[in-house]
Amino acid sequence: AQLRKHWIENGLECDFRRYNDLGISPYHVHRSKEEHKQAIFVLAFEMAFKVRHSTLKKEFENLCEESTKNGRE
């Protein structure tokens, strides 16, 4: 969900409708573990599809590099 937020904030277009239609976020602690797994799977699938089928590959590589750097700080 943090990656989704980062994509939106940085203007990286991706169709998040399937994820949004699930109506679940990491803050919905009352939802089942299975529902959260499904939401993560849908979100990851949409992002991977976008990267694979677009010119976002370089932006995605930069995002991964940035996330790795932030994790070490």
C-alpha atoms as a PDB file:
ATOM      1  CA  ALA A   1       0.000   0.000   0.000  1.00  0.00           C
ATOM      2  CA  GLN A   2       2.949   2.333   0.595  1.00  0.00           C
ATOM      3  CA  LEU A   3       4.136   1.731  -2.965  1.00  0.00           C
ATOM      4  CA  ARG A   4       0.635   2.524  -4.241  1.00  0.00           C
ATOM      5  CA  LYS A   5       0.701   5.791  -2.321  1.00  0.00           C
ATOM      6  CA  HIS A   6       4.160   6.598  -3.698  1.00  0.00           C
ATOM      7  CA  TRP A   7       3.024   5.897  -7.270  1.00  0.00           C
ATOM      8  CA  ILE A   8       0.029   8.198  -6.900  1.00  0.00           C
ATOM      9  CA  GLU A   9       2.029  10.984  -5.235  1.00  0.00           C
ATOM     10  CA  ASN A  10       4.629  10.863  -8.014  1.00  0.00           C
ATOM     11  CA  GLY A  11       2.160  10.779 -10.882  1.00  0.00           C
ATOM     12  CA  LEU A  12       2.947   7.226 -11.966  1.00  0.00           C
ATOM     13  CA  GLU A  13      -0.257   6.072 -13.589  1.00  0.00           C
ATOM     14  CA  CYS A  14      -1.640   2.661 -12.770  1.00  0.00           C
ATOM     15  CA  ASP A  15      -5.164   1.291 -12.771  1.00  0.00           C
ATOM     16  CA  PHE A  16      -5.905   0.670  -9.099  1.00  0.00           C
ATOM     17  CA  ARG A  17      -9.658   0.122  -9.616  1.00  0.00           C
ATOM     18  CA  ARG A  18      -9.524  -3.609  -8.843  1.00  0.00           C
ATOM     19  CA  TYR A  19      -7.646  -2.888  -5.616  1.00  0.00           C
ATOM     20  CA  ASN A  20      -9.946  -0.005  -4.699  1.00  0.00           C
ATOM     21  CA  ASP A  21     -13.022  -2.136  -5.419  1.00  0.00           C
ATOM     22  CA  LEU A  22     -11.927  -4.553  -2.701  1.00  0.00           C
ATOM     23  CA  GLY A  23     -12.512  -1.777  -0.170  1.00  0.00           C
ATOM     24  CA  ILE A  24      -9.645  -2.844   2.048  1.00  0.00           C
ATOM     25  CA  SER A  25      -6.520  -1.127   3.294  1.00  0.00           C
ATOM     26  CA  PRO A  26      -3.771  -2.005   5.771  1.00  0.00           C
ATOM     27  CA  TYR A  27      -5.703  -0.021   8.382  1.00  0.00           C
ATOM     28  CA  HIS A  28      -8.741  -2.327   8.221  1.00  0.00           C
ATOM     29  CA  VAL A  29      -7.696  -4.574  11.090  1.00  0.00           C
ATOM     30  CA  HIS A  30     -11.181  -6.080  11.329  1.00  0.00           C
ATOM     31  CA  ARG A  31     -10.819  -7.718   7.903  1.00  0.00           C
ATOM     32  CA  SER A  32      -9.569 -11.280   7.568  1.00  0.00           C
ATOM     33  CA  LYS A  33      -6.000 -12.245   6.805  1.00  0.00           C
ATOM     34  CA  GLU A  34      -7.247 -13.835   3.573  1.00  0.00           C
ATOM     35  CA  GLU A  35      -8.858 -10.546   2.470  1.00  0.00           C
ATOM     36  CA  HIS A  36      -5.598  -8.706   3.114  1.00  0.00           C
ATOM     37  CA  LYS A  37      -3.662 -11.329   1.142  1.00  0.00           C
ATOM     38  CA  GLN A  38      -6.064 -10.930  -1.780  1.00  0.00           C
ATOM     39  CA  ALA A  39      -5.691  -7.133  -1.688  1.00  0.00           C
ATOM     40  CA  ILE A  40      -1.895  -7.381  -1.695  1.00  0.00           C
ATOM     41  CA  PHE A  41      -1.980  -9.869  -4.569  1.00  0.00           C
ATOM     42  CA  VAL A  42      -4.258  -7.633  -6.664  1.00  0.00           C
ATOM     43  CA  LEU A  43      -2.148  -4.563  -5.940  1.00  0.00           C
ATOM     44  CA  ALA A  44       1.107  -6.344  -6.787  1.00  0.00           C
ATOM     45  CA  PHE A  45      -0.382  -7.800  -9.968  1.00  0.00           C
ATOM     46  CA  GLU A  46      -1.574  -4.417 -11.225  1.00  0.00           C
ATOM     47  CA  MET A  47       1.782  -2.785 -10.519  1.00  0.00           C
ATOM     48  CA  ALA A  48       3.750  -5.618 -12.131  1.00  0.00           C
ATOM     49  CA  PHE A  49       1.484  -5.552 -15.185  1.00  0.00           C
ATOM     50  CA  LYS A  50       1.980  -1.815 -15.557  1.00  0.00           C
ATOM     51  CA  VAL A  51       5.762  -2.065 -15.268  1.00  0.00           C
ATOM     52  CA  ARG A  52       5.965  -4.953 -17.708  1.00  0.00           C
ATOM     53  CA  HIS A  53       3.702  -3.353 -20.321  1.00  0.00           C
ATOM     54  CA  SER A  54       4.830   0.231 -20.203  1.00  0.00           C
ATOM     55  CA  THR A  55       7.731   2.602 -20.218  1.00  0.00           C
ATOM     56  CA  LEU A  56       7.709   2.655 -16.421  1.00  0.00           C
ATOM     57  CA  LYS A  57      10.526   0.132 -16.179  1.00  0.00           C
ATOM     58  CA  LYS A  58      13.212   2.756 -15.507  1.00  0.00           C
ATOM     59  CA  GLU A  59      10.987   4.600 -13.015  1.00  0.00           C
ATOM     60  CA  PHE A  60      10.289   1.303 -11.241  1.00  0.00           C
ATOM     61  CA  GLU A  61      13.996   0.501 -11.019  1.00  0.00           C
ATOM     62  CA  ASN A  62      14.604   3.957  -9.526  1.00  0.00           C
ATOM     63  CA  LEU A  63      11.776   3.413  -7.041  1.00  0.00           C
ATOM     64  CA  CYS A  64      13.240   0.075  -5.956  1.00  0.00           C
ATOM     65  CA  GLU A  65      16.667   1.643  -5.563  1.00  0.00           C
ATOM     66  CA  GLU A  66      15.195   4.508  -3.519  1.00  0.00           C
ATOM     67  CA  SER A  67      13.259   2.088  -1.298  1.00  0.00           C
ATOM     68  CA  THR A  68      16.412   0.069  -0.675  1.00  0.00           C
ATOM     69  CA  LYS A  69      18.346   3.196   0.295  1.00  0.00           C
ATOM     70  CA  ASN A  70      15.574   4.331   2.648  1.00  0.00           C
ATOM     71  CA  GLY A  71      15.507   0.913   4.292  1.00  0.00           C
ATOM     72  CA  ARG A  72      19.183   1.194   5.167  1.00  0.00           C
ATOM     73  CA  GLU A  73      18.915   4.645   6.726  1.00  0.00           C
END
